[in-house]
């Protein structure tokens, strides 16, 4: 699979946390999975917005009820 090399800058504290978490497993793979995850979350957020626009938002009482049922 072709790859593209990027140069990115992130906060020093975050960089240290990532390096501690990833260790020798490979920073590139970790970052690729994180980017893919964020793209999926953005897509899901747009889908949920579309559902709200089509059917209306979920009533607060119903949200509270399900939050009580789901720990």
Protein backbone atom coordinates (compact mmCIF):
# COMPACT_ATOMS: atom_id res chain seq x y z
CA UNK A 1 0.00 0.00 0.00
CA UNK A 2 1.40 3.42 -0.89
CA UNK A 3 2.10 5.74 2.03
CA UNK A 4 2.52 9.49 2.35
CA UNK A 5 4.97 11.01 4.78
CA UNK A 6 3.75 14.02 6.77
CA UNK A 7 5.44 16.36 9.15
CA UNK A 8 3.15 17.44 11.98
CA UNK A 9 3.60 19.47 15.14
CA UNK A 10 1.86 18.70 18.41
CA UNK A 11 2.06 19.93 21.96
CA UNK A 12 5.12 18.61 23.82
CA UNK A 13 3.05 17.13 26.68
CA UNK A 14 0.83 15.24 24.24
CA UNK A 15 3.88 13.99 22.32
CA UNK A 16 5.37 12.59 25.52
CA UNK A 17 2.12 10.86 26.46
CA UNK A 18 1.85 9.29 23.01
CA UNK A 19 5.47 8.11 23.06
CA UNK A 20 4.99 6.58 26.51
CA UNK A 21 1.82 4.84 25.35
CA UNK A 22 3.15 3.59 22.02
CA UNK A 23 6.62 2.59 23.12
CA UNK A 24 8.31 0.48 20.46
CA UNK A 25 5.06 -0.51 18.72
CA UNK A 26 5.27 2.14 16.05
CA UNK A 27 4.22 5.74 16.10
CA UNK A 28 3.08 5.81 12.47
CA UNK A 29 0.59 2.99 12.92
CA UNK A 30 -0.78 4.55 16.09
CA UNK A 31 -1.24 7.95 14.44
CA UNK A 32 -2.87 6.36 11.36
CA UNK A 33 -5.38 4.52 13.57
CA UNK A 34 -6.08 7.71 15.54
CA UNK A 35 -6.73 9.70 12.36
CA UNK A 36 -8.99 6.96 11.00
CA UNK A 37 -10.87 6.88 14.31
CA UNK A 38 -11.44 10.65 14.23
CA UNK A 39 -12.70 10.50 10.64
CA UNK A 40 -15.17 7.78 11.68
CA UNK A 41 -16.33 9.88 14.66
CA UNK A 42 -16.85 12.90 12.42
CA UNK A 43 -18.85 10.78 9.98
CA UNK A 44 -20.99 9.41 12.81
CA UNK A 45 -21.57 12.93 14.13
CA UNK A 46 -22.80 14.08 10.71
CA UNK A 47 -25.09 11.03 10.50
CA UNK A 48 -26.57 11.76 13.93
CA UNK A 49 -27.10 15.41 12.94
CA UNK A 50 -28.92 14.21 9.82
CA UNK A 51 -31.16 11.96 11.94
CA UNK A 52 -31.93 14.85 14.29
CA UNK A 53 -32.82 17.04 11.32
CA UNK A 54 -35.09 14.36 9.83
CA UNK A 55 -36.78 13.01 12.97
CA UNK A 56 -36.11 15.65 15.65
CA UNK A 57 -33.86 15.45 18.67
CA UNK A 58 -34.28 12.78 21.32
CA UNK A 59 -36.29 14.16 24.25
CA UNK A 60 -34.16 14.93 27.32
CA UNK A 61 -36.35 12.71 29.51
CA UNK A 62 -35.65 9.72 27.29
CA UNK A 63 -31.91 10.42 27.32
CA UNK A 64 -31.96 10.62 31.12
CA UNK A 65 -33.90 7.36 31.36
CA UNK A 66 -31.42 5.48 29.20
CA UNK A 67 -28.44 7.03 31.03
CA UNK A 68 -29.88 5.59 34.27
CA UNK A 69 -30.25 2.16 32.65
CA UNK A 70 -26.80 2.11 31.01
CA UNK A 71 -23.92 2.43 33.49
